[in-house]
């Protein structure tokens, strides 16, 4: 590892909700909205990419512990930002948040 990320290290992923991100049961009037499994994958990607500057070329980061409340819908074709920040010292843990505007 080149260096340890400091508490407060941040990363952000900007993406637009596309057809591959939405629930697959959007039928009978159910709107096409961002699915929770896709959101979790994007949150993990955001945290992983925030670590890249601290890793040597032969290093990778894996694993996540996630506690999530996904309560507001994000419709198809809506642009979103997923910020993350390192919030613990002992382990490489990230606080990830996404809020609807």
PDB file of N, CA and C in Angstrom:
ATOM      1  N   UNK A   1       0.851  -1.164   0.000  1.00  0.00           N
ATOM      2  CA  UNK A   1       0.000   0.000   0.000  1.00  0.00           C
ATOM      3  C   UNK A   1       0.899   1.230   0.000  1.00  0.00           C
ATOM      4  N   UNK A   2       0.612   2.156  -0.902  1.00  0.00           N
ATOM      5  CA  UNK A   2       1.389   3.398  -0.999  1.00  0.00           C
ATOM      6  C   UNK A   2       1.289   4.200   0.286  1.00  0.00           C
ATOM      7  N   UNK A   3       0.074   4.386   0.758  1.00  0.00           N
ATOM      8  CA  UNK A   3      -0.174   5.098   2.011  1.00  0.00           C
ATOM      9  C   UNK A   3      -1.567   4.727   2.499  1.00  0.00           C
ATOM     10  N   UNK A   4      -1.799   4.924   3.791  1.00  0.00           N
ATOM     11  CA  UNK A   4      -3.117   4.642   4.358  1.00  0.00           C
ATOM     12  C   UNK A   4      -4.031   5.827   4.090  1.00  0.00           C
ATOM     13  N   UNK A   5      -5.239   5.570   3.656  1.00  0.00           N
ATOM     14  CA  UNK A   5      -6.180   6.681   3.483  1.00  0.00           C
ATOM     15  C   UNK A   5      -6.523   7.285   4.840  1.00  0.00           C
ATOM     16  N   UNK A   6      -6.586   8.581   4.900  1.00  0.00           N
ATOM     17  CA  UNK A   6      -6.912   9.265   6.144  1.00  0.00           C
ATOM     18  C   UNK A   6      -8.421   9.323   6.331  1.00  0.00           C
ATOM     19  N   UNK A   7      -8.831   9.453   7.582  1.00  0.00           N
ATOM     20  CA  UNK A   7     -10.242   9.669   7.869  1.00  0.00           C
ATOM     21  C   UNK A   7     -10.651  10.939   7.131  1.00  0.00           C
ATOM     22  N   UNK A   8     -11.765  10.880   6.440  1.00  0.00           N
ATOM     23  CA  UNK A   8     -12.225  12.015   5.658  1.00  0.00           C
ATOM     24  C   UNK A   8     -11.901  11.893   4.180  1.00  0.00           C
ATOM     25  N   UNK A   9     -11.115  10.872   3.787  1.00  0.00           N
ATOM     26  CA  UNK A   9     -10.857  10.628   2.372  1.00  0.00           C
ATOM     27  C   UNK A   9     -12.195  10.395   1.679  1.00  0.00           C
ATOM     28  N   UNK A  10     -12.405  11.034   0.560  1.00  0.00           N
ATOM     29  CA  UNK A  10     -13.694  10.922  -0.120  1.00  0.00           C
ATOM     30  C   UNK A  10     -13.547  10.423  -1.546  1.00  0.00           C
ATOM     31  N   UNK A  11     -14.620   9.943  -2.080  1.00  0.00           N
ATOM     32  CA  UNK A  11     -14.722   9.542  -3.467  1.00  0.00           C
ATOM     33  C   UNK A  11     -16.148   9.786  -3.909  1.00  0.00           C
ATOM     34  N   UNK A  12     -16.371   9.826  -5.197  1.00  0.00           N
ATOM     35  CA  UNK A  12     -17.725  10.050  -5.711  1.00  0.00           C
ATOM     36  C   UNK A  12     -17.867   9.382  -7.066  1.00  0.00           C
ATOM     37  N   UNK A  13     -19.016   8.787  -7.291  1.00  0.00           N
ATOM     38  CA  UNK A  13     -19.350   8.196  -8.579  1.00  0.00           C
ATOM     39  C   UNK A  13     -20.553   8.943  -9.120  1.00  0.00           C
ATOM     40  N   UNK A  14     -20.452   9.422 -10.338  1.00  0.00           N
ATOM     41  CA  UNK A  14     -21.566  10.099 -10.997  1.00  0.00           C
ATOM     42  C   UNK A  14     -22.095   9.139 -12.062  1.00  0.00           C
ATOM     43  N   UNK A  15     -23.396   8.883 -12.035  1.00  0.00           N
ATOM     44  CA  UNK A  15     -23.974   7.969 -13.017  1.00  0.00           C
ATOM     45  C   UNK A  15     -25.417   8.363 -13.294  1.00  0.00           C
ATOM     46  N   UNK A  16     -25.913   7.875 -14.397  1.00  0.00           N
ATOM     47  CA  UNK A  16     -27.310   8.077 -14.764  1.00  0.00           C
ATOM     48  C   UNK A  16     -28.012   6.735 -14.688  1.00  0.00           C
ATOM     49  N   UNK A  17     -29.145   6.697 -14.019  1.00  0.00           N
ATOM     50  CA  UNK A  17     -29.906   5.452 -13.893  1.00  0.00           C
ATOM     51  C   UNK A  17     -30.356   5.014 -15.284  1.00  0.00           C
ATOM     52  N   UNK A  18     -29.872   3.852 -15.698  1.00  0.00           N
ATOM     53  CA  UNK A  18     -30.189   3.289 -17.012  1.00  0.00           C
ATOM     54  C   UNK A  18     -31.046   2.039 -16.838  1.00  0.00           C
ATOM     55  N   UNK A  19     -31.504   1.492 -17.935  1.00  0.00           N
ATOM     56  CA  UNK A  19     -32.382   0.320 -17.906  1.00  0.00           C
ATOM     57  C   UNK A  19     -31.772  -0.835 -17.117  1.00  0.00           C
ATOM     58  N   UNK A  20     -30.445  -1.019 -17.205  1.00  0.00           N
ATOM     59  CA  UNK A  20     -29.811  -2.133 -16.493  1.00  0.00           C
ATOM     60  C   UNK A  20     -29.751  -1.928 -14.975  1.00  0.00           C
ATOM     61  N   UNK A  21     -30.070  -0.724 -14.486  1.00  0.00           N
ATOM     62  CA  UNK A  21     -30.045  -0.433 -13.054  1.00  0.00           C
ATOM     63  C   UNK A  21     -31.415  -0.573 -12.377  1.00  0.00           C
ATOM     64  N   UNK A  22     -32.471  -0.691 -13.140  1.00  0.00           N
ATOM     65  CA  UNK A  22     -33.813  -0.632 -12.559  1.00  0.00           C
ATOM     66  C   UNK A  22     -34.341  -2.012 -12.168  1.00  0.00           C
ATOM     67  N   UNK A  23     -35.375  -1.999 -11.322  1.00  0.00           N
ATOM     68  CA  UNK A  23     -36.007  -3.242 -10.894  1.00  0.00           C
ATOM     69  C   UNK A  23     -36.518  -4.007 -12.111  1.00  0.00           C
ATOM     70  N   UNK A  24     -36.502  -5.325 -12.007  1.00  0.00           N
ATOM     71  CA  UNK A  24     -36.944  -6.136 -13.146  1.00  0.00           C
ATOM     72  C   UNK A  24     -38.405  -6.561 -13.023  1.00  0.00           C
ATOM     73  N   UNK A  25     -39.096  -6.059 -12.009  1.00  0.00           N
ATOM     74  CA  UNK A  25     -40.507  -6.400 -11.840  1.00  0.00           C
ATOM     75  C   UNK A  25     -41.397  -5.174 -12.039  1.00  0.00           C
ATOM     76  N   UNK A  26     -40.925  -4.204 -12.823  1.00  0.00           N
ATOM     77  CA  UNK A  26     -41.693  -2.983 -13.089  1.00  0.00           C
ATOM     78  C   UNK A  26     -42.791  -3.291 -14.117  1.00  0.00           C
ATOM     79  N   UNK A  27     -43.893  -3.823 -13.612  1.00  0.00           N
ATOM     80  CA  UNK A  27     -45.033  -4.142 -14.476  1.00  0.00           C
ATOM     81  C   UNK A  27     -46.303  -3.636 -13.809  1.00  0.00           C
ATOM     82  N   UNK A  28     -47.371  -3.642 -14.534  1.00  0.00           N
ATOM     83  CA  UNK A  28     -48.680  -3.254 -13.997  1.00  0.00           C
ATOM     84  C   UNK A  28     -48.653  -1.905 -13.281  1.00  0.00           C
ATOM     85  N   UNK A  29     -48.006  -0.924 -13.916  1.00  0.00           N
ATOM     86  CA  UNK A  29     -47.988   0.419 -13.359  1.00  0.00           C
ATOM     87  C   UNK A  29     -46.863   0.703 -12.390  1.00  0.00           C
ATOM     88  N   UNK A  30     -46.057  -0.312 -12.053  1.00  0.00           N
ATOM     89  CA  UNK A  30     -44.909  -0.093 -11.172  1.00  0.00           C
ATOM     90  C   UNK A  30     -43.855   0.671 -11.959  1.00  0.00           C
ATOM     91  N   UNK A  31     -43.373   1.799 -11.440  1.00  0.00           N
ATOM     92  CA  UNK A  31     -42.389   2.585 -12.196  1.00  0.00           C
ATOM     93  C   UNK A  31     -41.018   1.906 -12.246  1.00  0.00           C
ATOM     94  N   UNK A  32     -40.270   2.204 -13.278  1.00  0.00           N
ATOM     95  CA  UNK A  32     -38.905   1.698 -13.427  1.00  0.00           C
ATOM     96  C   UNK A  32     -37.993   2.574 -12.569  1.00  0.00           C
ATOM     97  N   UNK A  33     -37.535   2.038 -11.434  1.00  0.00           N
ATOM     98  CA  UNK A  33     -36.699   2.793 -10.491  1.00  0.00           C
ATOM     99  C   UNK A  33     -35.434   1.995 -10.166  1.00  0.00           C
ATOM    100  N   UNK A  34     -34.428   2.700  -9.660  1.00  0.00           N
ATOM    101  CA  UNK A  34     -33.157   2.089  -9.281  1.00  0.00           C
ATOM    102  C   UNK A  34     -33.396   0.966  -8.278  1.00  0.00           C
ATOM    103  N   UNK A  35     -32.844  -0.217  -8.572  1.00  0.00           N
ATOM    104  CA  UNK A  35     -33.023  -1.356  -7.668  1.00  0.00           C
ATOM    105  C   UNK A  35     -31.992  -1.298  -6.542  1.00  0.00           C
ATOM    106  N   UNK A  36     -32.368  -1.813  -5.400  1.00  0.00           N
ATOM    107  CA  UNK A  36     -31.472  -1.819  -4.246  1.00  0.00           C
ATOM    108  C   UNK A  36     -30.201  -2.633  -4.514  1.00  0.00           C
ATOM    109  N   UNK A  37     -30.273  -3.815  -5.129  1.00  0.00           N
ATOM    110  CA  UNK A  37     -29.031  -4.544  -5.418  1.00  0.00           C
ATOM    111  C   UNK A  37     -28.076  -3.750  -6.320  1.00  0.00           C
ATOM    112  N   UNK A  38     -28.611  -3.055  -7.306  1.00  0.00           N
ATOM    113  CA  UNK A  38     -27.753  -2.233  -8.183  1.00  0.00           C
ATOM    114  C   UNK A  38     -27.157  -1.069  -7.401  1.00  0.00           C
ATOM    115  N   UNK A  39     -27.947  -0.452  -6.520  1.00  0.00           N
ATOM    116  CA  UNK A  39     -27.446   0.637  -5.693  1.00  0.00           C
ATOM    117  C   UNK A  39     -26.282   0.156  -4.835  1.00  0.00           C
ATOM    118  N   UNK A  40     -26.422  -1.001  -4.222  1.00  0.00           N
ATOM    119  CA  UNK A  40     -25.349  -1.552  -3.387  1.00  0.00           C
ATOM    120  C   UNK A  40     -24.095  -1.790  -4.218  1.00  0.00           C
ATOM    121  N   UNK A  41     -24.246  -2.330  -5.409  1.00  0.00           N
ATOM    122  CA  UNK A  41     -23.094  -2.538  -6.286  1.00  0.00           C
ATOM    123  C   UNK A  41     -22.397  -1.230  -6.631  1.00  0.00           C
ATOM    124  N   UNK A  42     -23.170  -0.201  -6.897  1.00  0.00           N
ATOM    125  CA  UNK A  42     -22.593   1.105  -7.217  1.00  0.00           C
ATOM    126  C   UNK A  42     -21.914   1.729  -6.001  1.00  0.00           C
ATOM    127  N   UNK A  43     -22.490   1.533  -4.815  1.00  0.00           N
ATOM    128  CA  UNK A  43     -21.859   2.033  -3.596  1.00  0.00           C
ATOM    129  C   UNK A  43     -20.524   1.331  -3.348  1.00  0.00           C
ATOM    130  N   UNK A  44     -20.487   0.027  -3.553  1.00  0.00           N
ATOM    131  CA  UNK A  44     -19.243  -0.718  -3.364  1.00  0.00           C
ATOM    132  C   UNK A  44     -18.198  -0.262  -4.384  1.00  0.00           C
ATOM    133  N   UNK A  45     -18.615  -0.051  -5.608  1.00  0.00           N
ATOM    134  CA  UNK A  45     -17.698   0.445  -6.652  1.00  0.00           C
ATOM    135  C   UNK A  45     -17.125   1.812  -6.269  1.00  0.00           C
ATOM    136  N   UNK A  46     -17.976   2.691  -5.737  1.00  0.00           N
ATOM    137  CA  UNK A  46     -17.530   4.020  -5.324  1.00  0.00           C
ATOM    138  C   UNK A  46     -16.465   3.917  -4.243  1.00  0.00           C
ATOM    139  N   UNK A  47     -16.689   3.076  -3.249  1.00  0.00           N
ATOM    140  CA  UNK A  47     -15.716   2.895  -2.170  1.00  0.00           C
ATOM    141  C   UNK A  47     -14.418   2.301  -2.706  1.00  0.00           C
ATOM    142  N   UNK A  48     -14.518   1.318  -3.585  1.00  0.00           N
ATOM    143  CA  UNK A  48     -13.325   0.679  -4.154  1.00  0.00           C
ATOM    144  C   UNK A  48     -12.510   1.683  -4.958  1.00  0.00           C
ATOM    145  N   UNK A  49     -13.174   2.481  -5.783  1.00  0.00           N
ATOM    146  CA  UNK A  49     -12.461   3.457  -6.601  1.00  0.00           C
ATOM    147  C   UNK A  49     -11.823   4.559  -5.751  1.00  0.00           C
ATOM    148  N   UNK A  50     -12.413   4.858  -4.598  1.00  0.00           N
ATOM    149  CA  UNK A  50     -11.823   5.852  -3.698  1.00  0.00           C
ATOM    150  C   UNK A  50     -10.502   5.344  -3.112  1.00  0.00           C
ATOM    151  N   UNK A  51     -10.326   4.029  -3.074  1.00  0.00           N
ATOM    152  CA  UNK A  51      -9.100   3.434  -2.534  1.00  0.00           C
ATOM    153  C   UNK A  51      -7.966   3.358  -3.553  1.00  0.00           C
ATOM    154  N   UNK A  52      -8.262   3.396  -4.847  1.00  0.00           N
ATOM    155  CA  UNK A  52      -7.239   3.206  -5.877  1.00  0.00           C
ATOM    156  C   UNK A  52      -5.983   4.051  -5.690  1.00  0.00           C
ATOM    157  N   UNK A  53      -6.085   5.343  -5.362  1.00  0.00           N
ATOM    158  CA  UNK A  53      -4.860   6.141  -5.230  1.00  0.00           C
ATOM    159  C   UNK A  53      -3.919   5.669  -4.122  1.00  0.00           C
ATOM    160  N   UNK A  54      -4.407   4.856  -3.200  1.00  0.00           N
ATOM    161  CA  UNK A  54      -3.606   4.406  -2.068  1.00  0.00           C
ATOM    162  C   UNK A  54      -2.992   3.023  -2.283  1.00  0.00           C
ATOM    163  N   UNK A  55      -3.388   2.351  -3.357  1.00  0.00           N
ATOM    164  CA  UNK A  55      -2.938   0.985  -3.606  1.00  0.00           C
ATOM    165  C   UNK A  55      -1.770   0.936  -4.578  1.00  0.00           C
ATOM    166  N   UNK A  56      -0.860  -0.020  -4.341  1.00  0.00           N
ATOM    167  CA  UNK A  56       0.197  -0.289  -5.301  1.00  0.00           C
ATOM    168  C   UNK A  56      -0.412  -1.001  -6.509  1.00  0.00           C
ATOM    169  N   UNK A  57       0.326  -1.047  -7.599  1.00  0.00           N
ATOM    170  CA  UNK A  57      -0.180  -1.619  -8.859  1.00  0.00           C
ATOM    171  C   UNK A  57      -0.647  -3.066  -8.709  1.00  0.00           C
ATOM    172  N   UNK A  58      -0.023  -3.832  -7.814  1.00  0.00           N
ATOM    173  CA  UNK A  58      -0.375  -5.244  -7.648  1.00  0.00           C
ATOM    174  C   UNK A  58      -1.410  -5.484  -6.550  1.00  0.00           C
ATOM    175  N   UNK A  59      -1.994  -4.423  -5.997  1.00  0.00           N
ATOM    176  CA  UNK A  59      -2.955  -4.565  -4.908  1.00  0.00           C
ATOM    177  C   UNK A  59      -4.381  -4.318  -5.374  1.00  0.00           C
ATOM    178  N   UNK A  60      -5.320  -4.958  -4.687  1.00  0.00           N
ATOM    179  CA  UNK A  60      -6.746  -4.769  -4.937  1.00  0.00           C
ATOM    180  C   UNK A  60      -7.441  -4.674  -3.585  1.00  0.00           C
ATOM    181  N   UNK A  61      -8.642  -4.176  -3.581  1.00  0.00           N
ATOM    182  CA  UNK A  61      -9.438  -4.137  -2.362  1.00  0.00           C
ATOM    183  C   UNK A  61     -10.748  -4.873  -2.628  1.00  0.00           C
ATOM    184  N   UNK A  62     -11.176  -5.685  -1.668  1.00  0.00           N
ATOM    185  CA  UNK A  62     -12.410  -6.458  -1.809  1.00  0.00           C
ATOM    186  C   UNK A  62     -13.155  -6.460  -0.480  1.00  0.00           C
ATOM    187  N   UNK A  63     -14.410  -6.811  -0.538  1.00  0.00           N
ATOM    188  CA  UNK A  63     -15.214  -6.981   0.661  1.00  0.00           C
ATOM    189  C   UNK A  63     -15.908  -5.704   1.086  1.00  0.00           C
ATOM    190  N   UNK A  64     -17.036  -5.883   1.724  1.00  0.00           N
ATOM    191  CA  UNK A  64     -17.798  -4.741   2.216  1.00  0.00           C
ATOM    192  C   UNK A  64     -18.766  -5.212   3.290  1.00  0.00           C
ATOM    193  N   UNK A  65     -19.015  -4.344   4.246  1.00  0.00           N
ATOM    194  CA  UNK A  65     -20.093  -4.549   5.209  1.00  0.00           C
ATOM    195  C   UNK A  65     -21.063  -3.415   4.955  1.00  0.00           C
ATOM    196  N   UNK A  66     -22.299  -3.753   4.662  1.00  0.00           N
ATOM    197  CA  UNK A  66     -23.258  -2.740   4.237  1.00  0.00           C
ATOM    198  C   UNK A  66     -24.502  -2.775   5.111  1.00  0.00           C
ATOM    199  N   UNK A  67     -24.859  -1.622   5.598  1.00  0.00           N
ATOM    200  CA  UNK A  67     -26.133  -1.422   6.286  1.00  0.00           C
ATOM    201  C   UNK A  67     -26.818  -0.319   5.498  1.00  0.00           C
ATOM    202  N   UNK A  68     -27.992  -0.592   4.974  1.00  0.00           N
ATOM    203  CA  UNK A  68     -28.599   0.357   4.039  1.00  0.00           C
ATOM    204  C   UNK A  68     -30.092   0.515   4.304  1.00  0.00           C
ATOM    205  N   UNK A  69     -30.564   1.729   4.100  1.00  0.00           N
ATOM    206  CA  UNK A  69     -31.994   2.025   4.072  1.00  0.00           C
ATOM    207  C   UNK A  69     -32.233   2.729   2.745  1.00  0.00           C
ATOM    208  N   UNK A  70     -32.831   2.040   1.818  1.00  0.00           N
ATOM    209  CA  UNK A  70     -33.108   2.566   0.480  1.00  0.00           C
ATOM    210  C   UNK A  70     -34.606   2.842   0.422  1.00  0.00           C
ATOM    211  N   UNK A  71     -34.991   4.066   0.752  1.00  0.00           N
ATOM    212  CA  UNK A  71     -36.401   4.380   0.977  1.00  0.00           C
ATOM    213  C   UNK A  71     -37.036   5.275  -0.077  1.00  0.00           C
ATOM    214  N   UNK A  72     -36.237   5.931  -0.907  1.00  0.00           N
ATOM    215  CA  UNK A  72     -36.791   6.850  -1.903  1.00  0.00           C
ATOM    216  C   UNK A  72     -36.459   6.343  -3.306  1.00  0.00           C
ATOM    217  N   UNK A  73     -37.415   6.400  -4.227  1.00  0.00           N
ATOM    218  CA  UNK A  73     -37.172   5.915  -5.583  1.00  0.00           C
ATOM    219  C   UNK A  73     -36.307   6.885  -6.394  1.00  0.00           C
ATOM    220  N   UNK A  74     -35.470   6.329  -7.241  1.00  0.00           N
ATOM    221  CA  UNK A  74     -34.723   7.120  -8.217  1.00  0.00           C
ATOM    222  C   UNK A  74     -35.156   6.624  -9.589  1.00  0.00           C
ATOM    223  N   UNK A  75     -35.867   7.454 -10.348  1.00  0.00           N
ATOM    224  CA  UNK A  75     -36.402   7.012 -11.632  1.00  0.00           C
ATOM    225  C   UNK A  75     -35.340   6.818 -12.710  1.00  0.00           C
ATOM    226  N   UNK A  76     -35.736   6.090 -13.722  1.00  0.00           N
ATOM    227  CA  UNK A  76     -34.924   5.860 -14.914  1.00  0.00           C
ATOM    228  C   UNK A  76     -34.505   7.198 -15.502  1.00  0.00           C
ATOM    229  N   UNK A  77     -33.281   7.289 -15.961  1.00  0.00           N
ATOM    230  CA  UNK A  77     -32.676   8.448 -16.627  1.00  0.00           C
ATOM    231  C   UNK A  77     -32.419   9.617 -15.668  1.00  0.00           C
ATOM    232  N   UNK A  78     -32.485   9.417 -14.387  1.00  0.00           N
ATOM    233  CA  UNK A  78     -32.155  10.456 -13.415  1.00  0.00           C
ATOM    234  C   UNK A  78     -30.669  10.352 -13.103  1.00  0.00           C
ATOM    235  N   UNK A  79     -29.963  11.472 -13.124  1.00  0.00           N
ATOM    236  CA  UNK A  79     -28.545  11.480 -12.793  1.00  0.00           C
ATOM    237  C   UNK A  79     -28.376  11.497 -11.283  1.00  0.00           C
ATOM    238  N   UNK A  80     -27.389  10.751 -10.794  1.00  0.00           N
ATOM    239  CA  UNK A  80     -27.133  10.666  -9.362  1.00  0.00           C
ATOM    240  C   UNK A  80     -25.643  10.755  -9.083  1.00  0.00           C
ATOM    241  N   UNK A  81     -25.321  11.214  -7.882  1.00  0.00           N
ATOM    242  CA  UNK A  81     -23.954  11.257  -7.372  1.00  0.00           C
ATOM    243  C   UNK A  81     -23.922  10.376  -6.131  1.00  0.00           C
ATOM    244  N   UNK A  82     -22.918   9.504  -6.060  1.00  0.00           N
ATOM    245  CA  UNK A  82     -22.760   8.651  -4.889  1.00  0.00           C
ATOM    246  C   UNK A  82     -21.476   9.044  -4.183  1.00  0.00           C
ATOM    247  N   UNK A  83     -21.568   9.859  -3.133  1.00  0.00           N
ATOM    248  CA  UNK A  83     -20.358  10.214  -2.390  1.00  0.00           C
ATOM    249  C   UNK A  83     -20.018   9.144  -1.366  1.00  0.00           C
ATOM    250  N   UNK A  84     -18.752   9.019  -1.040  1.00  0.00           N
ATOM    251  CA  UNK A  84     -18.342   8.154   0.052  1.00  0.00           C
ATOM    252  C   UNK A  84     -17.184   8.822   0.771  1.00  0.00           C
ATOM    253  N   UNK A  85     -17.046   8.523   2.050  1.00  0.00           N
ATOM    254  CA  UNK A  85     -15.960   9.078   2.850  1.00  0.00           C
ATOM    255  C   UNK A  85     -15.476   8.030   3.829  1.00  0.00           C
ATOM    256  N   UNK A  86     -14.168   7.972   4.040  1.00  0.00           N
ATOM    257  CA  UNK A  86     -13.611   7.047   5.025  1.00  0.00           C
ATOM    258  C   UNK A  86     -13.887   7.623   6.396  1.00  0.00           C
ATOM    259  N   UNK A  87     -14.477   6.822   7.263  1.00  0.00           N
ATOM    260  CA  UNK A  87     -14.867   7.370   8.559  1.00  0.00           C
ATOM    261  C   UNK A  87     -14.333   6.604   9.765  1.00  0.00           C
ATOM    262  N   UNK A  88     -13.482   5.623   9.556  1.00  0.00           N
ATOM    263  CA  UNK A  88     -12.901   4.879  10.677  1.00  0.00           C
ATOM    264  C   UNK A  88     -11.391   4.793  10.476  1.00  0.00           C
ATOM    265  N   UNK A  89     -10.671   4.660  11.577  1.00  0.00           N
ATOM    266  CA  UNK A  89      -9.217   4.660  11.507  1.00  0.00           C
ATOM    267  C   UNK A  89      -8.642   3.251  11.406  1.00  0.00           C
ATOM    268  N   UNK A  90      -9.144   2.306  12.160  1.00  0.00           N
ATOM    269  CA  UNK A  90      -8.519   0.989  12.265  1.00  0.00           C
ATOM    270  C   UNK A  90      -8.647   0.130  11.022  1.00  0.00           C
ATOM    271  N   UNK A  91      -9.754   0.225  10.345  1.00  0.00           N
ATOM    272  CA  UNK A  91      -9.982  -0.586   9.151  1.00  0.00           C
ATOM    273  C   UNK A  91     -10.320   0.331   8.008  1.00  0.00           C
ATOM    274  N   UNK A  92     -10.284  -0.198   6.816  1.00  0.00           N
ATOM    275  CA  UNK A  92     -10.678   0.590   5.651  1.00  0.00           C
ATOM    276  C   UNK A  92     -12.185   0.509   5.509  1.00  0.00           C
ATOM    277  N   UNK A  93     -12.875   1.365   6.219  1.00  0.00           N
ATOM    278  CA  UNK A  93     -14.323   1.386   6.183  1.00  0.00           C
ATOM    279  C   UNK A  93     -14.783   2.690   5.563  1.00  0.00           C
ATOM    280  N   UNK A  94     -15.874   2.655   4.888  1.00  0.00           N
ATOM    281  CA  UNK A  94     -16.410   3.831   4.210  1.00  0.00           C
ATOM    282  C   UNK A  94     -17.850   4.069   4.628  1.00  0.00           C
ATOM    283  N   UNK A  95     -18.177   5.303   4.744  1.00  0.00           N
ATOM    284  CA  UNK A  95     -19.565   5.689   4.957  1.00  0.00           C
ATOM    285  C   UNK A  95     -20.079   6.120   3.580  1.00  0.00           C
ATOM    286  N   UNK A  96     -21.105   5.484   3.122  1.00  0.00           N
ATOM    287  CA  UNK A  96     -21.651   5.775   1.799  1.00  0.00           C
ATOM    288  C   UNK A  96     -23.047   6.331   1.948  1.00  0.00           C
ATOM    289  N   UNK A  97     -23.330   7.357   1.192  1.00  0.00           N
ATOM    290  CA  UNK A  97     -24.668   7.909   1.280  1.00  0.00           C
ATOM    291  C   UNK A  97     -25.161   8.332  -0.088  1.00  0.00           C
ATOM    292  N   UNK A  98     -26.456   8.229  -0.268  1.00  0.00           N
ATOM    293  CA  UNK A  98     -27.095   8.707  -1.474  1.00  0.00           C
ATOM    294  C   UNK A  98     -28.432   9.257  -1.055  1.00  0.00           C
ATOM    295  N   UNK A  99     -28.675  10.488  -1.399  1.00  0.00           N
ATOM    296  CA  UNK A  99     -29.944  11.103  -1.041  1.00  0.00           C
ATOM    297  C   UNK A  99     -30.590  11.650  -2.300  1.00  0.00           C
ATOM    298  N   UNK A 100     -31.894  11.530  -2.352  1.00  0.00           N
ATOM    299  CA  UNK A 100     -32.632  12.095  -3.482  1.00  0.00           C
ATOM    300  C   UNK A 100     -32.709  13.602  -3.328  1.00  0.00           C
ATOM    301  N   UNK A 101     -32.640  14.288  -4.468  1.00  0.00           N
ATOM    302  CA  UNK A 101     -32.720  15.756  -4.443  1.00  0.00           C
ATOM    303  C   UNK A 101     -34.160  16.197  -4.320  1.00  0.00           C
TER     304      UNK A 101
END
